[in-house]
Amino acid sequence: MIITLTPNPSIDRTLKIARLRFNENLRTHSVQVDWGGKGFNVSRALRILNEETIALAWVGGGTGKMLENGLQDLGVRTDFVWVPEDTRTNTLAQEDAGEWYIRLIEPGPHIPPDAVQALLDKAEAYANANDLWVASGSLPQDVPEDFYARLIRLLKDKGVRMLFDTNDKPLTIGLSETPFLVKPDLPEVLNLTGINVTNHEDAKRAALHFLRMGVQHVAISIGSLGVLLASQNVILQATPPKMATHNVTGAGAAVMAGLAYGFSHNMPLNEIARWAAAYGAVVISTERLSSTTLEELHQMLPRVEVRTVNVM
């Protein structure tokens, strides 16, 4: 069982239009709705692997109910802390051809102090030694920036392995609690290390920065170039074959799901890196996360090259 915690989930609406124009009424010809938030996306990706998962979060209102029903229909168990304000809705308006789009991201509801404590209490109730958790995504309004740090400390005291992915100040504070694994995105890597990652050598230098902080594992996804997975003992580079990029939404969650799946099944580190890179590559090459199949993933796994990286 893998538990995911998503502080700031969303209904993600993707609208397709022929051409973006400003100051005009634009008619869309297709609407796609997904149950979003980084942790929720990890849970959805894990269900494609037939892995049991429970999703924890703050949700509210009609959009919260939609998320609950949508995830449960996908086989994801949920246990939410309900808040007075509606869960946010994020909207992407995208042209049929080309790369032009407009993405509108809402801040999320205000979370009362008692709801903050209620989610921490729920996490403590679920925590068991040797469990694996994924906690990821931004924090909604009024949640203290040390929320993730408190969560990491709580779970570590229970013997839980936590995979961590957020940004800005909550990431910096959370890193002080040395989580089991951190998966920073490339802008955060640049912000924290000063390294603009464009290749595996850059990723290696960046990973060493996080390892020196005491983090046990670091995973850096480099888009179509694959994944660098580092521990205190070894650094591995997992490179998939070159694929046409059709989609980037959900690819990061697929990488995290591959990592979580591998660690939960006690795979060797090189195989964990292989699963992470393979899953990310498959999602990038398909139209959306939900259209990915387990068969496609199994076909990709042997095509991923995994090699040990010289630390020097």
C-alpha atoms as a PDB file:
ATOM      1  CA  MET A   1       0.000   0.000   0.000  1.00  0.00           C
ATOM      2  CA  ILE A   2       1.363   3.414  -0.994  1.00  0.00           C
ATOM      3  CA  ILE A   3      -0.185   6.511   0.572  1.00  0.00           C
ATOM      4  CA  THR A   4      -0.155   9.842  -1.252  1.00  0.00           C
ATOM      5  CA  LEU A   5      -0.762  13.210   0.368  1.00  0.00           C
ATOM      6  CA  THR A   6      -1.820  16.121  -1.842  1.00  0.00           C
ATOM      7  CA  PRO A   7      -2.239  19.424   0.024  1.00  0.00           C
ATOM      8  CA  ASN A   8      -3.592  21.426  -2.918  1.00  0.00           C
ATOM      9  CA  PRO A   9      -5.532  19.192  -5.351  1.00  0.00           C
ATOM     10  CA  SER A  10      -7.550  20.518  -8.263  1.00  0.00           C
ATOM     11  CA  ILE A  11     -10.023  19.806 -10.983  1.00  0.00           C
ATOM     12  CA  ASP A  12      -7.901  20.184 -14.130  1.00  0.00           C
ATOM     13  CA  ARG A  13      -9.861  21.320 -17.207  1.00  0.00           C
ATOM     14  CA  THR A  14      -8.174  21.257 -20.609  1.00  0.00           C
ATOM     15  CA  LEU A  15      -9.969  23.185 -23.343  1.00  0.00           C
ATOM     16  CA  LYS A  16      -8.995  22.738 -27.007  1.00  0.00           C
ATOM     17  CA  ILE A  17      -9.562  25.607 -29.424  1.00  0.00           C
ATOM     18  CA  ALA A  18      -8.614  26.276 -33.024  1.00  0.00           C
ATOM     19  CA  ARG A  19      -6.673  29.452 -32.277  1.00  0.00           C
ATOM     20  CA  LEU A  20      -6.007  31.628 -29.250  1.00  0.00           C
ATOM     21  CA  ARG A  21      -7.101  35.269 -29.556  1.00  0.00           C
ATOM     22  CA  PHE A  22      -7.418  38.011 -26.977  1.00  0.00           C
ATOM     23  CA  ASN A  23     -10.498  40.173 -26.352  1.00  0.00           C
ATOM     24  CA  GLU A  24     -12.730  37.755 -28.259  1.00  0.00           C
ATOM     25  CA  ASN A  25     -15.257  35.069 -27.405  1.00  0.00           C
ATOM     26  CA  LEU A  26     -13.553  31.734 -28.124  1.00  0.00           C
ATOM     27  CA  ARG A  27     -15.491  28.524 -28.648  1.00  0.00           C
ATOM     28  CA  THR A  28     -13.886  25.301 -27.516  1.00  0.00           C
ATOM     29  CA  HIS A  29     -14.484  22.039 -29.361  1.00  0.00           C
ATOM     30  CA  SER A  30     -13.340  19.604 -26.677  1.00  0.00           C
ATOM     31  CA  VAL A  31     -13.132  19.584 -22.889  1.00  0.00           C
ATOM     32  CA  GLN A  32     -11.066  17.141 -20.855  1.00  0.00           C
ATOM     33  CA  VAL A  33     -11.419  16.892 -17.068  1.00  0.00           C
ATOM     34  CA  ASP A  34      -8.792  15.243 -14.851  1.00  0.00           C
ATOM     35  CA  TRP A  35      -8.474  14.774 -11.107  1.00  0.00           C
ATOM     36  CA  GLY A  36      -5.331  16.810 -10.535  1.00  0.00           C
ATOM     37  CA  GLY A  37      -2.667  17.638  -8.022  1.00  0.00           C
ATOM     38  CA  LYS A  38       0.776  16.022  -7.968  1.00  0.00           C
ATOM     39  CA  GLY A  39      -0.049  13.427  -5.334  1.00  0.00           C
ATOM     40  CA  PHE A  40      -3.371  12.525  -6.926  1.00  0.00           C
ATOM     41  CA  ASN A  41      -1.588  12.069 -10.264  1.00  0.00           C
ATOM     42  CA  VAL A  42       0.845   9.694  -8.547  1.00  0.00           C
ATOM     43  CA  SER A  43      -2.083   7.698  -7.156  1.00  0.00           C
ATOM     44  CA  ARG A  44      -3.656   7.539 -10.621  1.00  0.00           C
ATOM     45  CA  ALA A  45      -0.356   6.379 -12.107  1.00  0.00           C
ATOM     46  CA  LEU A  46       0.003   3.722  -9.409  1.00  0.00           C
ATOM     47  CA  ARG A  47      -3.450   2.346 -10.205  1.00  0.00           C
ATOM     48  CA  ILE A  48      -2.308   1.777 -13.796  1.00  0.00           C
ATOM     49  CA  LEU A  49       0.339  -0.479 -12.204  1.00  0.00           C
ATOM     50  CA  ASN A  50      -2.439  -2.234 -10.245  1.00  0.00           C
ATOM     51  CA  GLU A  51      -0.923  -0.894  -7.035  1.00  0.00           C
ATOM     52  CA  GLU A  52      -3.207  -0.233  -4.068  1.00  0.00           C
ATOM     53  CA  THR A  53      -3.080   3.385  -2.936  1.00  0.00           C
ATOM     54  CA  ILE A  54      -4.838   5.754  -0.542  1.00  0.00           C
ATOM     55  CA  ALA A  55      -5.045   9.476  -1.292  1.00  0.00           C
ATOM     56  CA  LEU A  56      -5.125  12.013   1.565  1.00  0.00           C
ATOM     57  CA  ALA A  57      -5.873  15.709   1.030  1.00  0.00           C
ATOM     58  CA  TRP A  58      -7.804  18.794   2.007  1.00  0.00           C
ATOM     59  CA  VAL A  59     -10.874  19.191  -0.221  1.00  0.00           C
ATOM     60  CA  GLY A  60     -14.036  21.232  -0.149  1.00  0.00           C
ATOM     61  CA  GLY A  61     -17.346  21.914  -1.849  1.00  0.00           C
ATOM     62  CA  GLY A  62     -18.704  20.498  -5.080  1.00  0.00           C
ATOM     63  CA  THR A  63     -15.278  20.259  -6.727  1.00  0.00           C
ATOM     64  CA  GLY A  64     -14.043  18.287  -3.739  1.00  0.00           C
ATOM     65  CA  LYS A  65     -16.942  15.876  -4.149  1.00  0.00           C
ATOM     66  CA  MET A  66     -16.117  15.520  -7.855  1.00  0.00           C
ATOM     67  CA  LEU A  67     -12.521  14.650  -6.946  1.00  0.00           C
ATOM     68  CA  GLU A  68     -13.656  12.091  -4.386  1.00  0.00           C
ATOM     69  CA  ASN A  69     -16.016  10.391  -6.825  1.00  0.00           C
ATOM     70  CA  GLY A  70     -13.574  10.558  -9.737  1.00  0.00           C
ATOM     71  CA  LEU A  71     -10.684   9.014  -7.825  1.00  0.00           C
ATOM     72  CA  GLN A  72     -12.834   6.300  -6.301  1.00  0.00           C
ATOM     73  CA  ASP A  73     -14.137   5.412  -9.769  1.00  0.00           C
ATOM     74  CA  LEU A  74     -10.474   4.851 -10.746  1.00  0.00           C
ATOM     75  CA  GLY A  75      -9.966   2.516  -7.798  1.00  0.00           C
ATOM     76  CA  VAL A  76      -8.113   5.033  -5.614  1.00  0.00           C
ATOM     77  CA  ARG A  77      -9.179   4.944  -1.989  1.00  0.00           C
ATOM     78  CA  THR A  78      -9.594   8.404  -0.433  1.00  0.00           C
ATOM     79  CA  ASP A  79      -9.681   9.829   3.060  1.00  0.00           C
ATOM     80  CA  PHE A  80     -10.078  13.595   3.011  1.00  0.00           C
ATOM     81  CA  VAL A  81     -10.194  16.437   5.494  1.00  0.00           C
ATOM     82  CA  TRP A  82     -13.084  18.630   4.361  1.00  0.00           C
ATOM     83  CA  VAL A  83     -12.778  22.419   4.483  1.00  0.00           C
ATOM     84  CA  PRO A  84     -15.413  25.169   3.977  1.00  0.00           C
ATOM     85  CA  GLU A  85     -14.104  26.583   0.655  1.00  0.00           C
ATOM     86  CA  ASP A  86     -14.228  24.791  -2.685  1.00  0.00           C
ATOM     87  CA  THR A  87     -11.231  22.906  -4.022  1.00  0.00           C
ATOM     88  CA  ARG A  88      -9.626  24.868  -6.840  1.00  0.00           C
ATOM     89  CA  THR A  89     -10.131  24.394 -10.575  1.00  0.00           C
ATOM     90  CA  ASN A  90      -7.159  24.895 -12.928  1.00  0.00           C
ATOM     91  CA  THR A  91      -7.822  25.625 -16.584  1.00  0.00           C
ATOM     92  CA  LEU A  92      -5.613  25.088 -19.633  1.00  0.00           C
ATOM     93  CA  ALA A  93      -6.690  26.593 -22.971  1.00  0.00           C
ATOM     94  CA  GLN A  94      -4.597  25.061 -25.749  1.00  0.00           C
ATOM     95  CA  GLU A  95      -4.454  25.545 -29.509  1.00  0.00           C
ATOM     96  CA  ASP A  96      -4.938  22.496 -31.713  1.00  0.00           C
ATOM     97  CA  ALA A  97      -1.676  23.170 -33.540  1.00  0.00           C
ATOM     98  CA  GLY A  98       1.481  24.736 -32.221  1.00  0.00           C
ATOM     99  CA  GLU A  99       2.653  25.344 -28.678  1.00  0.00           C
ATOM    100  CA  TRP A 100       0.481  28.314 -27.686  1.00  0.00           C
ATOM    101  CA  TYR A 101      -1.546  27.912 -24.530  1.00  0.00           C
ATOM    102  CA  ILE A 102      -2.882  29.796 -21.526  1.00  0.00           C
ATOM    103  CA  ARG A 103      -2.799  28.070 -18.138  1.00  0.00           C
ATOM    104  CA  LEU A 104      -4.821  29.572 -15.276  1.00  0.00           C
ATOM    105  CA  ILE A 105      -3.801  28.225 -11.860  1.00  0.00           C
ATOM    106  CA  GLU A 106      -5.918  29.063  -8.819  1.00  0.00           C
ATOM    107  CA  PRO A 107      -4.289  29.420  -5.377  1.00  0.00           C
ATOM    108  CA  GLY A 108      -6.512  26.899  -3.636  1.00  0.00           C
ATOM    109  CA  PRO A 109      -8.837  27.301  -0.628  1.00  0.00           C
ATOM    110  CA  HIS A 110      -8.008  28.848   2.730  1.00  0.00           C
ATOM    111  CA  ILE A 111      -7.241  26.041   5.187  1.00  0.00           C
ATOM    112  CA  PRO A 112      -8.254  26.689   8.834  1.00  0.00           C
ATOM    113  CA  PRO A 113      -5.729  25.811  11.563  1.00  0.00           C
ATOM    114  CA  ASP A 114      -7.892  22.966  12.880  1.00  0.00           C
ATOM    115  CA  ALA A 115      -7.948  21.403   9.398  1.00  0.00           C
ATOM    116  CA  VAL A 116      -4.141  21.644   9.189  1.00  0.00           C
ATOM    117  CA  GLN A 117      -3.858  19.700  12.430  1.00  0.00           C
ATOM    118  CA  ALA A 118      -6.568  17.260  11.327  1.00  0.00           C
ATOM    119  CA  LEU A 119      -4.567  16.235   8.251  1.00  0.00           C
ATOM    120  CA  LEU A 120      -1.420  15.762  10.343  1.00  0.00           C
ATOM    121  CA  ASP A 121      -3.446  13.673  12.802  1.00  0.00           C
ATOM    122  CA  LYS A 122      -4.822  11.595   9.937  1.00  0.00           C
ATOM    123  CA  ALA A 123      -1.297  11.056   8.617  1.00  0.00           C
ATOM    124  CA  GLU A 124      -0.123   9.900  12.045  1.00  0.00           C
ATOM    125  CA  ALA A 125      -3.029   7.455  12.275  1.00  0.00           C
ATOM    126  CA  TYR A 126      -2.139   5.881   8.911  1.00  0.00           C
ATOM    127  CA  ALA A 127       1.631   5.790   9.443  1.00  0.00           C
ATOM    128  CA  ASN A 128       3.233   2.375   9.934  1.00  0.00           C
ATOM    129  CA  ALA A 129       6.884   1.374   9.971  1.00  0.00           C
ATOM    130  CA  ASN A 130       8.356   0.628   6.527  1.00  0.00           C
ATOM    131  CA  ASP A 131       5.355   2.133   4.722  1.00  0.00           C
ATOM    132  CA  LEU A 132       6.029   4.281   1.694  1.00  0.00           C
ATOM    133  CA  TRP A 133       4.412   7.694   1.266  1.00  0.00           C
ATOM    134  CA  VAL A 134       4.456  10.310  -1.489  1.00  0.00           C
ATOM    135  CA  ALA A 135       3.830  13.892  -0.381  1.00  0.00           C
ATOM    136  CA  SER A 136       3.873  16.409  -3.186  1.00  0.00           C
ATOM    137  CA  GLY A 137       2.528  19.633  -4.595  1.00  0.00           C
ATOM    138  CA  SER A 138       2.061  23.227  -3.520  1.00  0.00           C
ATOM    139  CA  LEU A 139       0.468  24.334  -0.265  1.00  0.00           C
ATOM    140  CA  PRO A 140      -2.944  26.054  -0.315  1.00  0.00           C
ATOM    141  CA  GLN A 141      -3.619  29.339   1.420  1.00  0.00           C
ATOM    142  CA  ASP A 142      -2.985  29.765   5.171  1.00  0.00           C
ATOM    143  CA  VAL A 143      -1.053  26.492   5.501  1.00  0.00           C
ATOM    144  CA  PRO A 144       2.231  27.164   7.365  1.00  0.00           C
ATOM    145  CA  GLU A 145       5.354  26.870   5.225  1.00  0.00           C
ATOM    146  CA  ASP A 146       6.774  24.285   7.650  1.00  0.00           C
ATOM    147  CA  PHE A 147       3.842  21.895   7.064  1.00  0.00           C
ATOM    148  CA  TYR A 148       5.915  19.441   5.032  1.00  0.00           C
ATOM    149  CA  ALA A 149       8.769  19.607   7.547  1.00  0.00           C
ATOM    150  CA  ARG A 150       6.353  18.692  10.329  1.00  0.00           C
ATOM    151  CA  LEU A 151       4.952  15.878   8.208  1.00  0.00           C
ATOM    152  CA  ILE A 152       8.408  14.497   7.373  1.00  0.00           C
ATOM    153  CA  ARG A 153       9.412  14.572  11.047  1.00  0.00           C
ATOM    154  CA  LEU A 154       6.188  12.831  12.078  1.00  0.00           C
ATOM    155  CA  LEU A 155       6.518  10.083   9.468  1.00  0.00           C
ATOM    156  CA  LYS A 156      10.226   9.512  10.106  1.00  0.00           C
ATOM    157  CA  ASP A 157       9.462   8.988  13.789  1.00  0.00           C
ATOM    158  CA  LYS A 158       7.017   6.267  12.690  1.00  0.00           C
ATOM    159  CA  GLY A 159       9.606   4.579  10.445  1.00  0.00           C
ATOM    160  CA  VAL A 160       7.908   5.688   7.199  1.00  0.00           C
ATOM    161  CA  ARG A 161       9.867   6.311   3.982  1.00  0.00           C
ATOM    162  CA  MET A 162       8.636   9.544   2.395  1.00  0.00           C
ATOM    163  CA  LEU A 163       9.130  10.663  -1.195  1.00  0.00           C
ATOM    164  CA  PHE A 164       8.966  14.466  -1.292  1.00  0.00           C
ATOM    165  CA  ASP A 165       8.226  16.909  -4.114  1.00  0.00           C
ATOM    166  CA  THR A 166       7.297  20.564  -3.681  1.00  0.00           C
ATOM    167  CA  ASN A 167       8.813  23.988  -4.330  1.00  0.00           C
ATOM    168  CA  ASP A 168       9.809  27.364  -2.871  1.00  0.00           C
ATOM    169  CA  LYS A 169      10.111  27.832   0.901  1.00  0.00           C
ATOM    170  CA  PRO A 170       8.223  24.631   1.860  1.00  0.00           C
ATOM    171  CA  LEU A 171      10.872  22.643  -0.062  1.00  0.00           C
ATOM    172  CA  THR A 172      13.775  24.429   1.616  1.00  0.00           C
ATOM    173  CA  ILE A 173      12.305  23.946   5.087  1.00  0.00           C
ATOM    174  CA  GLY A 174      11.324  20.346   4.354  1.00  0.00           C
ATOM    175  CA  LEU A 175      14.844  19.460   3.241  1.00  0.00           C
ATOM    176  CA  SER A 176      16.107  20.329   6.725  1.00  0.00           C
ATOM    177  CA  GLU A 177      14.282  17.188   7.941  1.00  0.00           C
ATOM    178  CA  THR A 178      16.257  15.026   5.443  1.00  0.00           C
ATOM    179  CA  PRO A 179      13.448  13.044   3.776  1.00  0.00           C
ATOM    180  CA  PHE A 180      13.986   9.550   2.364  1.00  0.00           C
ATOM    181  CA  LEU A 181      13.828  10.902  -1.209  1.00  0.00           C
ATOM    182  CA  VAL A 182      13.458  14.314  -2.782  1.00  0.00           C
ATOM    183  CA  LYS A 183      12.475  14.914  -6.399  1.00  0.00           C
ATOM    184  CA  PRO A 184      12.990  18.623  -7.127  1.00  0.00           C
ATOM    185  CA  ASP A 185      11.904  20.013 -10.472  1.00  0.00           C
ATOM    186  CA  LEU A 186      14.497  21.750 -12.636  1.00  0.00           C
ATOM    187  CA  PRO A 187      13.596  25.344 -11.664  1.00  0.00           C
ATOM    188  CA  GLU A 188      13.970  24.383  -7.990  1.00  0.00           C
ATOM    189  CA  VAL A 189      17.302  22.691  -8.705  1.00  0.00           C
ATOM    190  CA  LEU A 190      18.504  25.941 -10.279  1.00  0.00           C
ATOM    191  CA  ASN A 191      17.142  27.982  -7.384  1.00  0.00           C
ATOM    192  CA  LEU A 192      18.759  25.842  -4.673  1.00  0.00           C
ATOM    193  CA  THR A 193      22.030  24.838  -6.332  1.00  0.00           C
ATOM    194  CA  GLY A 194      22.662  27.445  -9.019  1.00  0.00           C
ATOM    195  CA  ILE A 195      22.944  24.636 -11.582  1.00  0.00           C
ATOM    196  CA  ASN A 196      20.901  24.869 -14.781  1.00  0.00           C
ATOM    197  CA  VAL A 197      20.360  21.175 -15.542  1.00  0.00           C
ATOM    198  CA  THR A 198      20.438  20.428 -19.285  1.00  0.00           C
ATOM    199  CA  ASN A 199      22.192  17.045 -19.228  1.00  0.00           C
ATOM    200  CA  HIS A 200      23.110  14.162 -16.930  1.00  0.00           C
ATOM    201  CA  GLU A 201      26.419  15.726 -15.863  1.00  0.00           C
ATOM    202  CA  ASP A 202      24.569  18.793 -14.601  1.00  0.00           C
ATOM    203  CA  ALA A 203      22.059  16.540 -12.822  1.00  0.00           C
ATOM    204  CA  LYS A 204      24.890  14.645 -11.119  1.00  0.00           C
ATOM    205  CA  ARG A 205      26.432  17.826  -9.746  1.00  0.00           C
ATOM    206  CA  ALA A 206      23.020  18.984  -8.534  1.00  0.00           C
ATOM    207  CA  ALA A 207      22.249  15.641  -6.875  1.00  0.00           C
ATOM    208  CA  LEU A 208      25.485  15.806  -4.894  1.00  0.00           C
ATOM    209  CA  HIS A 209      24.309  19.109  -3.410  1.00  0.00           C
ATOM    210  CA  PHE A 210      21.178  17.449  -1.977  1.00  0.00           C
ATOM    211  CA  LEU A 211      23.046  14.350  -0.806  1.00  0.00           C
ATOM    212  CA  ARG A 212      25.462  16.536   1.174  1.00  0.00           C
ATOM    213  CA  MET A 213      22.417  17.896   3.029  1.00  0.00           C
ATOM    214  CA  GLY A 214      21.754  14.365   4.335  1.00  0.00           C
ATOM    215  CA  VAL A 215      18.866  13.414   2.032  1.00  0.00           C
ATOM    216  CA  GLN A 216      19.039   9.655   1.440  1.00  0.00           C
ATOM    217  CA  HIS A 217      17.977   9.656  -2.229  1.00  0.00           C
ATOM    218  CA  VAL A 218      17.656  12.286  -4.947  1.00  0.00           C
ATOM    219  CA  ALA A 219      15.766  11.858  -8.220  1.00  0.00           C
ATOM    220  CA  ILE A 220      16.116  14.456 -10.975  1.00  0.00           C
ATOM    221  CA  SER A 221      13.972  14.075 -14.069  1.00  0.00           C
ATOM    222  CA  ILE A 222      15.507  15.587 -17.209  1.00  0.00           C
ATOM    223  CA  GLY A 223      12.535  15.294 -19.549  1.00  0.00           C
ATOM    224  CA  SER A 224      13.171  13.079 -22.551  1.00  0.00           C
ATOM    225  CA  LEU A 225      16.748  12.452 -21.317  1.00  0.00           C
ATOM    226  CA  GLY A 226      15.413  10.272 -18.519  1.00  0.00           C
ATOM    227  CA  VAL A 227      16.122  10.199 -14.788  1.00  0.00           C
ATOM    228  CA  LEU A 228      19.174  10.496 -12.573  1.00  0.00           C
ATOM    229  CA  LEU A 229      18.718   8.607  -9.284  1.00  0.00           C
ATOM    230  CA  ALA A 230      21.330   9.084  -6.586  1.00  0.00           C
ATOM    231  CA  SER A 231      21.829   7.585  -3.152  1.00  0.00           C
ATOM    232  CA  GLN A 232      24.581   8.054  -0.597  1.00  0.00           C
ATOM    233  CA  ASN A 233      26.362   5.062  -2.221  1.00  0.00           C
ATOM    234  CA  VAL A 234      25.748   5.237  -5.957  1.00  0.00           C
ATOM    235  CA  ILE A 235      24.520   7.518  -8.743  1.00  0.00           C
ATOM    236  CA  LEU A 236      22.561   5.971 -11.609  1.00  0.00           C
ATOM    237  CA  GLN A 237      21.536   7.333 -14.976  1.00  0.00           C
ATOM    238  CA  ALA A 238      18.443   5.813 -16.609  1.00  0.00           C
ATOM    239  CA  THR A 239      18.016   6.825 -20.254  1.00  0.00           C
ATOM    240  CA  PRO A 240      15.016   5.817 -22.371  1.00  0.00           C
ATOM    241  CA  PRO A 241      15.101   5.715 -26.176  1.00  0.00           C
ATOM    242  CA  LYS A 242      14.367   8.957 -28.004  1.00  0.00           C
ATOM    243  CA  MET A 243      10.612   9.464 -28.222  1.00  0.00           C
ATOM    244  CA  ALA A 244       8.381  12.076 -29.798  1.00  0.00           C
ATOM    245  CA  THR A 245       6.956  14.319 -27.071  1.00  0.00           C
ATOM    246  CA  HIS A 246       3.162  14.501 -27.169  1.00  0.00           C
ATOM    247  CA  ASN A 247       2.453  15.345 -23.545  1.00  0.00           C
ATOM    248  CA  VAL A 248       4.267  16.635 -20.460  1.00  0.00           C
ATOM    249  CA  THR A 249       1.337  16.809 -18.037  1.00  0.00           C
ATOM    250  CA  GLY A 250       1.583  13.875 -15.645  1.00  0.00           C
ATOM    251  CA  ALA A 251       5.085  12.811 -16.716  1.00  0.00           C
ATOM    252  CA  GLY A 252       6.616  13.947 -13.426  1.00  0.00           C
ATOM    253  CA  ALA A 253       3.941  12.061 -11.489  1.00  0.00           C
ATOM    254  CA  ALA A 254       4.666   8.962 -13.584  1.00  0.00           C
ATOM    255  CA  VAL A 255       8.361   9.191 -12.676  1.00  0.00           C
ATOM    256  CA  MET A 256       7.439   9.515  -9.003  1.00  0.00           C
ATOM    257  CA  ALA A 257       5.034   6.580  -9.292  1.00  0.00           C
ATOM    258  CA  GLY A 258       7.802   4.465 -10.821  1.00  0.00           C
ATOM    259  CA  LEU A 259      10.096   5.379  -7.941  1.00  0.00           C
ATOM    260  CA  ALA A 260       7.418   4.645  -5.338  1.00  0.00           C
ATOM    261  CA  TYR A 261       6.533   1.332  -6.981  1.00  0.00           C
ATOM    262  CA  GLY A 262      10.168   0.252  -7.081  1.00  0.00           C
ATOM    263  CA  PHE A 263      10.966   1.179  -3.488  1.00  0.00           C
ATOM    264  CA  SER A 264       7.726  -0.366  -2.190  1.00  0.00           C
ATOM    265  CA  HIS A 265       8.659  -3.661  -3.868  1.00  0.00           C
ATOM    266  CA  ASN A 266      12.263  -3.468  -2.576  1.00  0.00           C
ATOM    267  CA  MET A 267      13.757  -3.523  -6.067  1.00  0.00           C
ATOM    268  CA  PRO A 268      17.493  -2.916  -6.582  1.00  0.00           C
ATOM    269  CA  LEU A 269      18.222   0.776  -7.121  1.00  0.00           C
ATOM    270  CA  ASN A 270      19.088   0.286 -10.795  1.00  0.00           C
ATOM    271  CA  GLU A 271      15.672  -1.300 -11.426  1.00  0.00           C
ATOM    272  CA  ILE A 272      13.933   1.516  -9.549  1.00  0.00           C
ATOM    273  CA  ALA A 273      15.653   4.006 -11.846  1.00  0.00           C
ATOM    274  CA  ARG A 274      14.584   1.918 -14.849  1.00  0.00           C
ATOM    275  CA  TRP A 275      10.913   1.915 -13.799  1.00  0.00           C
ATOM    276  CA  ALA A 276      10.944   5.664 -13.155  1.00  0.00           C
ATOM    277  CA  ALA A 277      12.513   6.542 -16.519  1.00  0.00           C
ATOM    278  CA  ALA A 278      10.345   4.071 -18.428  1.00  0.00           C
ATOM    279  CA  TYR A 279       7.103   5.342 -16.939  1.00  0.00           C
ATOM    280  CA  GLY A 280       8.022   8.959 -17.601  1.00  0.00           C
ATOM    281  CA  ALA A 281       8.944   8.157 -21.218  1.00  0.00           C
ATOM    282  CA  VAL A 282       5.697   6.316 -21.884  1.00  0.00           C
ATOM    283  CA  VAL A 283       3.580   9.176 -20.541  1.00  0.00           C
ATOM    284  CA  ILE A 284       5.543  11.768 -22.539  1.00  0.00           C
ATOM    285  CA  SER A 285       4.900   9.784 -25.715  1.00  0.00           C
ATOM    286  CA  THR A 286       1.129   9.425 -25.156  1.00  0.00           C
ATOM    287  CA  GLU A 287      -1.703  11.936 -25.191  1.00  0.00           C
ATOM    288  CA  ARG A 288      -2.381  11.856 -21.433  1.00  0.00           C
ATOM    289  CA  LEU A 289      -1.558   9.942 -18.269  1.00  0.00           C
ATOM    290  CA  SER A 290      -4.899   8.142 -18.175  1.00  0.00           C
ATOM    291  CA  SER A 291      -4.362   6.693 -21.674  1.00  0.00           C
ATOM    292  CA  THR A 292      -1.124   4.969 -20.632  1.00  0.00           C
ATOM    293  CA  THR A 293      -1.272   1.171 -20.400  1.00  0.00           C
ATOM    294  CA  LEU A 294       0.668  -1.341 -18.361  1.00  0.00           C
ATOM    295  CA  GLU A 295       1.538  -3.174 -21.565  1.00  0.00           C
ATOM    296  CA  GLU A 296       3.236  -0.071 -22.982  1.00  0.00           C
ATOM    297  CA  LEU A 297       5.253   0.282 -19.798  1.00  0.00           C
ATOM    298  CA  HIS A 298       6.435  -3.333 -19.870  1.00  0.00           C
ATOM    299  CA  GLN A 299       7.473  -2.861 -23.501  1.00  0.00           C
ATOM    300  CA  MET A 300       9.483   0.240 -22.555  1.00  0.00           C
ATOM    301  CA  LEU A 301      11.337  -1.229 -19.544  1.00  0.00           C
ATOM    302  CA  PRO A 302      13.934  -3.287 -21.467  1.00  0.00           C
ATOM    303  CA  ARG A 303      14.598  -0.313 -23.760  1.00  0.00           C
ATOM    304  CA  VAL A 304      15.816   1.885 -20.893  1.00  0.00           C
ATOM    305  CA  GLU A 305      19.594   1.919 -20.461  1.00  0.00           C
ATOM    306  CA  VAL A 306      20.763   2.166 -16.840  1.00  0.00           C
ATOM    307  CA  ARG A 307      24.409   2.857 -16.041  1.00  0.00           C
ATOM    308  CA  THR A 308      26.435   3.853 -13.009  1.00  0.00           C
ATOM    309  CA  VAL A 309      27.761   7.409 -13.049  1.00  0.00           C
ATOM    310  CA  ASN A 310      31.301   8.175 -11.920  1.00  0.00           C
ATOM    311  CA  VAL A 311      31.048  10.578  -8.984  1.00  0.00           C
ATOM    312  CA  MET A 312      34.351  12.290  -9.796  1.00  0.00           C
END
